[in-house]
N, C-alpha and C. Protein backbone atom coordinates (compact mmCIF):
# COMPACT_ATOMS: atom_id res chain seq x y z
N MET A 1 177.07 184.70 20.36
CA MET A 1 176.33 183.17 20.34
C MET A 1 177.30 182.68 19.50
N ALA A 2 177.57 183.02 18.18
CA ALA A 2 178.41 182.53 17.20
C ALA A 2 179.82 182.12 18.04
N SER A 3 180.26 182.90 18.68
CA SER A 3 181.75 182.67 19.60
C SER A 3 181.63 181.57 20.28
N LEU A 4 180.44 181.22 20.87
CA LEU A 4 180.38 180.07 21.82
C LEU A 4 180.01 178.79 20.90
N ALA A 5 179.42 178.86 20.02
CA ALA A 5 179.25 177.69 18.94
C ALA A 5 180.38 177.45 18.44
N VAL A 6 181.43 178.24 17.95
CA VAL A 6 182.59 177.78 17.34
C VAL A 6 183.93 177.13 18.65
N ALA A 7 183.61 177.84 19.58
CA ALA A 7 184.34 177.50 20.60
C ALA A 7 183.92 175.85 21.16
N LEU A 8 182.63 175.69 21.17
CA LEU A 8 182.14 174.14 21.29
C LEU A 8 182.39 173.29 20.46
N ILE A 9 182.32 173.57 19.23
CA ILE A 9 182.92 172.93 17.77
C ILE A 9 184.38 172.39 18.11
N CYS A 10 185.04 173.39 18.40
CA CYS A 10 186.41 173.19 18.64
C CYS A 10 186.92 172.16 19.80
N LEU A 11 186.22 172.35 20.78
CA LEU A 11 186.41 171.19 21.79
C LEU A 11 185.83 170.00 21.37
N THR A 12 184.49 169.81 20.56
CA THR A 12 184.24 168.42 20.21
C THR A 12 184.94 167.89 19.39
N LEU A 13 185.78 168.75 18.39
CA LEU A 13 186.65 168.15 17.45
C LEU A 13 187.91 167.78 18.22
N GLY A 14 188.29 168.41 19.57
CA GLY A 14 189.32 167.68 20.16
C GLY A 14 189.12 166.45 21.06
N VAL A 15 187.86 166.31 21.36
CA VAL A 15 187.11 164.90 21.89
C VAL A 15 187.45 163.86 20.73
N ILE A 16 186.91 164.39 19.41
CA ILE A 16 187.11 163.38 18.39
C ILE A 16 188.50 163.05 18.18
N SER A 17 189.22 163.94 17.96
CA SER A 17 190.81 163.78 18.00
C SER A 17 191.39 162.92 18.59
N SER A 18 190.98 163.05 19.84
CA SER A 18 191.36 162.26 21.06
C SER A 18 191.09 160.70 20.95
N LEU A 19 189.62 160.44 20.53
CA LEU A 19 189.21 159.22 20.38
C LEU A 19 189.84 158.40 18.96
N GLU A 20 189.92 159.24 18.09
CA GLU A 20 190.87 158.80 16.93
C GLU A 20 192.20 158.20 17.22
N ALA A 21 192.90 159.18 17.88
CA ALA A 21 194.11 158.79 18.41
C ALA A 21 194.21 157.41 19.36
N ARG A 22 193.37 157.63 20.35
CA ARG A 22 193.29 156.49 21.22
C ARG A 22 193.09 155.08 20.21
N HIS A 23 191.90 155.40 19.40
CA HIS A 23 191.70 153.93 18.38
C HIS A 23 192.83 153.36 17.64
N ILE A 24 193.52 154.56 17.17
CA ILE A 24 194.71 154.18 16.23
C ILE A 24 195.62 153.69 16.98
N SER A 25 196.03 154.05 18.05
CA SER A 25 197.05 153.27 19.14
C SER A 25 196.74 151.81 19.36
N VAL A 26 195.44 151.79 19.92
CA VAL A 26 195.07 150.38 20.17
C VAL A 26 194.95 149.43 19.07
N THR A 27 194.56 150.07 17.76
CA THR A 27 194.22 149.26 16.68
C THR A 27 195.82 148.62 16.05
N HIS A 28 196.97 149.51 16.34
CA HIS A 28 198.10 149.17 16.06
C HIS A 28 198.97 148.28 16.97
N GLY A 29 198.22 148.20 18.13
CA GLY A 29 198.69 147.21 19.10
C GLY A 29 199.88 147.73 19.97
N HIS A 30 199.58 149.06 20.10
CA HIS A 30 200.44 149.99 21.08
C HIS A 30 199.68 150.68 21.70
N PRO A 31 198.84 150.30 22.57
CA PRO A 31 197.48 151.53 23.03
C PRO A 31 198.41 152.15 24.11
N LEU A 32 197.86 153.74 23.83
CA LEU A 32 198.51 154.98 24.61
C LEU A 32 197.58 154.72 25.88
N ASP A 33 197.84 155.43 26.96
CA ASP A 33 196.95 155.61 27.97
C ASP A 33 196.16 157.03 27.98
N TRP A 34 194.79 156.95 28.38
CA TRP A 34 194.32 158.31 28.03
C TRP A 34 194.61 159.53 28.53
N SER A 35 195.59 159.54 29.55
CA SER A 35 196.26 160.89 29.88
C SER A 35 197.23 161.39 28.53
N THR A 36 197.95 160.43 28.06
CA THR A 36 199.04 160.76 27.04
C THR A 36 198.23 161.14 25.70
N VAL A 37 197.25 160.53 25.56
CA VAL A 37 196.16 160.81 24.45
C VAL A 37 195.71 162.26 24.43
N LEU A 38 195.14 162.55 25.35
CA LEU A 38 194.37 164.00 25.95
C LEU A 38 195.32 164.88 25.63
N VAL A 39 196.87 164.89 26.15
CA VAL A 39 197.57 165.87 26.45
C VAL A 39 198.07 166.03 25.20
N SER A 40 198.51 165.11 24.19
CA SER A 40 198.85 165.11 22.81
C SER A 40 198.05 166.01 21.94
N THR A 41 196.66 165.82 22.28
CA THR A 41 195.55 165.99 21.28
C THR A 41 194.81 167.40 21.38
N ILE A 42 194.52 167.47 23.06
CA ILE A 42 193.57 168.59 23.09
C ILE A 42 194.17 169.87 23.44
N PRO A 43 195.20 170.26 23.49
CA PRO A 43 195.86 171.79 23.61
C PRO A 43 195.62 172.41 22.40
N ARG A 44 195.82 171.99 21.09
CA ARG A 44 195.75 172.58 19.88
C ARG A 44 194.17 173.25 19.84
N TRP A 45 193.22 172.26 20.16
CA TRP A 45 191.94 172.40 19.84
C TRP A 45 191.55 173.61 21.10
N VAL A 46 191.86 173.27 22.14
CA VAL A 46 191.79 174.31 23.18
C VAL A 46 192.01 175.98 22.88
N LEU A 47 193.26 175.84 22.23
CA LEU A 47 193.83 177.27 21.68
C LEU A 47 192.63 177.84 20.68
N LEU A 48 192.59 176.74 19.84
CA LEU A 48 191.36 177.37 18.74
C LEU A 48 189.96 177.66 19.29
N ALA A 49 189.48 176.99 20.61
CA ALA A 49 188.33 177.44 20.97
C ALA A 49 188.61 178.76 21.59
N PHE A 50 189.58 178.93 22.14
CA PHE A 50 190.04 180.53 22.59
C PHE A 50 190.23 181.53 21.61
N ALA A 51 190.85 181.24 20.63
CA ALA A 51 191.44 182.15 19.54
C ALA A 51 190.31 182.45 18.63
N LEU A 52 189.65 181.35 18.08
CA LEU A 52 188.48 181.79 16.93
C LEU A 52 187.44 182.76 17.08
N PRO A 53 186.81 182.62 18.38
CA PRO A 53 185.77 183.88 18.66
C PRO A 53 186.67 185.20 18.31
N PHE A 54 187.94 185.22 18.68
CA PHE A 54 188.53 186.85 18.35
C PHE A 54 188.78 186.77 16.92
N VAL A 55 189.43 185.59 16.41
CA VAL A 55 189.47 185.96 14.59
C VAL A 55 188.43 186.21 14.34
N LEU A 56 186.99 185.51 14.66
CA LEU A 56 185.64 185.74 13.88
C LEU A 56 185.58 187.21 13.95
N HIS A 57 185.49 187.89 15.44
CA HIS A 57 185.01 189.03 15.62
C HIS A 57 186.05 190.06 14.62
N LEU A 58 187.45 189.88 14.49
CA LEU A 58 188.55 190.61 13.78
C LEU A 58 187.75 190.62 12.21
N ALA A 59 187.41 189.46 11.73
CA ALA A 59 187.09 189.26 10.45
C ALA A 59 185.77 190.09 10.13
N MET A 60 184.64 189.92 11.08
CA MET A 60 183.67 190.66 10.90
C MET A 60 183.54 192.06 11.17
N ARG A 61 184.43 192.58 11.86
CA ARG A 61 184.51 194.09 12.25
C ARG A 61 185.54 194.72 11.30
N ILE A 62 186.64 194.25 10.97
CA ILE A 62 187.73 194.81 10.13
C ILE A 62 187.73 194.50 8.67
N SER A 63 186.81 194.43 7.55
CA SER A 63 186.87 193.72 6.44
C SER A 63 188.25 194.05 5.48
N LEU A 64 188.46 193.16 4.82
CA LEU A 64 189.97 193.12 3.90
C LEU A 64 189.45 193.99 2.48
N THR A 65 188.01 194.53 2.34
CA THR A 65 187.53 194.98 1.34
C THR A 65 187.26 196.28 1.87
N PRO A 66 187.56 197.58 1.15
CA PRO A 66 188.60 197.48 0.32
C PRO A 66 190.10 197.14 0.76
N ILE A 67 190.89 197.04 -0.25
CA ILE A 67 192.12 196.57 0.55
C ILE A 67 192.77 197.85 0.99
N ARG A 68 193.32 197.93 2.22
CA ARG A 68 194.08 198.77 2.74
C ARG A 68 195.18 198.34 3.34
N ALA A 69 196.36 198.85 3.15
CA ALA A 69 197.85 198.31 3.83
C ALA A 69 197.63 197.97 5.09
N GLY A 70 196.97 198.88 6.02
CA GLY A 70 196.94 198.67 7.69
C GLY A 70 196.14 197.55 7.82
N VAL A 71 194.74 197.18 7.21
CA VAL A 71 194.17 196.29 7.26
C VAL A 71 194.53 195.04 7.06
N VAL A 72 195.25 195.10 6.06
CA VAL A 72 196.28 193.57 5.64
C VAL A 72 197.24 193.24 6.63
N LEU A 73 197.60 194.30 7.09
CA LEU A 73 198.82 193.83 8.28
C LEU A 73 198.41 193.49 9.55
N LEU A 74 197.30 194.04 9.67
CA LEU A 74 196.57 193.49 11.10
C LEU A 74 196.27 192.18 10.81
N HIS A 75 195.45 191.71 9.87
CA HIS A 75 195.06 190.25 9.58
C HIS A 75 196.21 189.43 9.22
N VAL A 76 197.45 189.82 8.63
CA VAL A 76 198.59 188.98 8.51
C VAL A 76 199.34 188.74 10.10
N PHE A 77 199.02 189.86 10.73
CA PHE A 77 199.55 189.72 12.22
C PHE A 77 198.88 188.61 13.06
N ALA A 78 197.41 188.86 12.96
CA ALA A 78 196.60 187.95 13.52
C ALA A 78 196.81 186.38 12.85
N PHE A 79 197.02 186.35 11.77
CA PHE A 79 197.40 184.78 11.22
C PHE A 79 198.83 184.31 11.95
N MET A 80 199.72 185.31 11.85
CA MET A 80 200.95 185.02 12.41
C MET A 80 200.98 184.46 13.88
N LEU A 81 200.41 185.31 14.65
CA LEU A 81 200.37 185.01 15.96
C LEU A 81 199.23 183.73 16.08
N LEU A 82 198.18 183.58 15.56
CA LEU A 82 197.18 182.19 15.44
C LEU A 82 198.47 181.05 15.14
N SER A 83 199.07 180.99 14.14
CA SER A 83 200.01 180.01 13.70
C SER A 83 201.12 179.75 14.51
N PHE A 84 201.71 180.79 15.00
CA PHE A 84 203.14 180.72 16.21
C PHE A 84 202.27 179.99 17.15
N SER A 85 201.39 180.23 17.71
CA SER A 85 200.53 179.76 19.02
C SER A 85 200.21 178.62 18.69
N HIS A 86 199.70 177.87 17.60
CA HIS A 86 199.34 176.65 17.41
C HIS A 86 200.48 175.73 17.32
N ALA A 87 201.56 176.25 16.66
CA ALA A 87 202.93 175.52 16.55
C ALA A 87 203.46 175.54 18.01
N ALA A 88 203.35 176.13 18.67
CA ALA A 88 203.62 176.26 20.16
C ALA A 88 202.85 175.09 21.16
N ALA A 89 201.86 175.37 20.67
CA ALA A 89 200.88 174.26 21.53
C ALA A 89 201.18 172.86 21.22
N ASP A 90 201.36 172.66 19.78
CA ASP A 90 202.04 171.29 19.30
C ASP A 90 203.19 170.89 20.11
N ALA A 91 204.17 171.63 19.98
CA ALA A 91 205.33 171.56 20.22
C ALA A 91 205.58 171.26 21.81
N TRP A 92 204.74 172.11 22.50
CA TRP A 92 204.52 171.38 24.07
C TRP A 92 204.04 170.29 24.06
N ALA A 93 202.89 169.98 23.46
CA ALA A 93 201.93 168.95 23.98
C ALA A 93 202.80 167.58 23.23
N LEU A 94 203.56 167.63 22.11
CA LEU A 94 204.55 166.59 21.64
C LEU A 94 205.47 166.17 23.00
N GLY A 95 205.92 167.20 23.43
CA GLY A 95 207.04 167.03 24.57
C GLY A 95 206.71 166.59 25.97
N THR A 96 205.33 166.98 26.13
CA THR A 96 204.61 166.33 27.20
C THR A 96 204.24 164.92 26.84
N ALA A 97 203.71 164.62 25.75
CA ALA A 97 203.07 163.38 25.58
C ALA A 97 204.23 162.29 25.65
N ALA A 98 205.23 162.82 24.83
CA ALA A 98 206.51 161.85 24.60
C ALA A 98 207.80 162.57 25.47
N PRO A 99 207.93 162.22 26.37
CA PRO A 99 209.14 163.01 27.18
C PRO A 99 210.52 162.93 26.66
N GLU A 100 210.61 161.54 25.97
CA GLU A 100 212.05 161.55 25.39
C GLU A 100 212.11 162.12 24.22
N ILE A 101 211.30 162.73 23.70
CA ILE A 101 211.58 163.60 22.42
C ILE A 101 212.10 164.92 22.93
N ARG A 102 212.23 165.44 24.07
CA ARG A 102 212.68 166.45 24.44
C ARG A 102 214.17 166.50 24.42
N PHE A 103 214.67 165.44 24.58
CA PHE A 103 216.18 164.89 24.56
C PHE A 103 216.73 164.88 23.25
N ILE A 104 215.88 164.35 22.23
CA ILE A 104 216.10 164.27 20.93
C ILE A 104 216.11 165.44 20.26
N PHE A 105 215.02 166.30 20.40
CA PHE A 105 214.73 167.63 19.69
C PHE A 105 214.45 168.42 20.83
N PRO A 106 215.24 169.64 20.69
CA PRO A 106 214.75 170.79 21.51
C PRO A 106 213.49 171.24 21.25
N TRP A 107 212.85 172.28 22.18
CA TRP A 107 211.85 172.86 22.01
C TRP A 107 211.66 173.89 20.60
N PHE A 108 212.79 174.52 20.48
CA PHE A 108 212.52 175.10 19.32
C PHE A 108 212.53 174.36 17.66
N ALA A 109 213.21 173.12 17.77
CA ALA A 109 213.39 172.36 16.60
C ALA A 109 211.82 171.74 16.37
N ARG A 110 211.04 171.48 17.72
CA ARG A 110 209.83 170.77 17.71
C ARG A 110 208.69 171.95 17.19
N LEU A 111 209.03 173.13 17.36
CA LEU A 111 208.37 174.54 16.87
C LEU A 111 208.34 174.36 15.63
N MET A 112 209.34 174.08 14.82
CA MET A 112 209.55 174.36 13.19
C MET A 112 209.23 173.11 12.55
């Protein structure tokens, strides 16, 4: 049940992030269409909505205390996987929302 709540919270934050991006673009006089706003903001939140229940499960089942090398490595691996996935989602969203940026910065540069 907690996993569903976390996923719903992530999706709600994605909608709020989209509303904020649209408001800022309109306020600054360069309104972005909704498809651009949604494609540029929602992917990272959808990724977190799918990933965080697994992260919670890992954190609850395999505790860091007492400190053991294998457990620490597992947690570091999960952190790196989530971080890389988040960066990849952002790089994809940026390239999709602003296609001209793909010609200026290749995908790997946007990933960093």
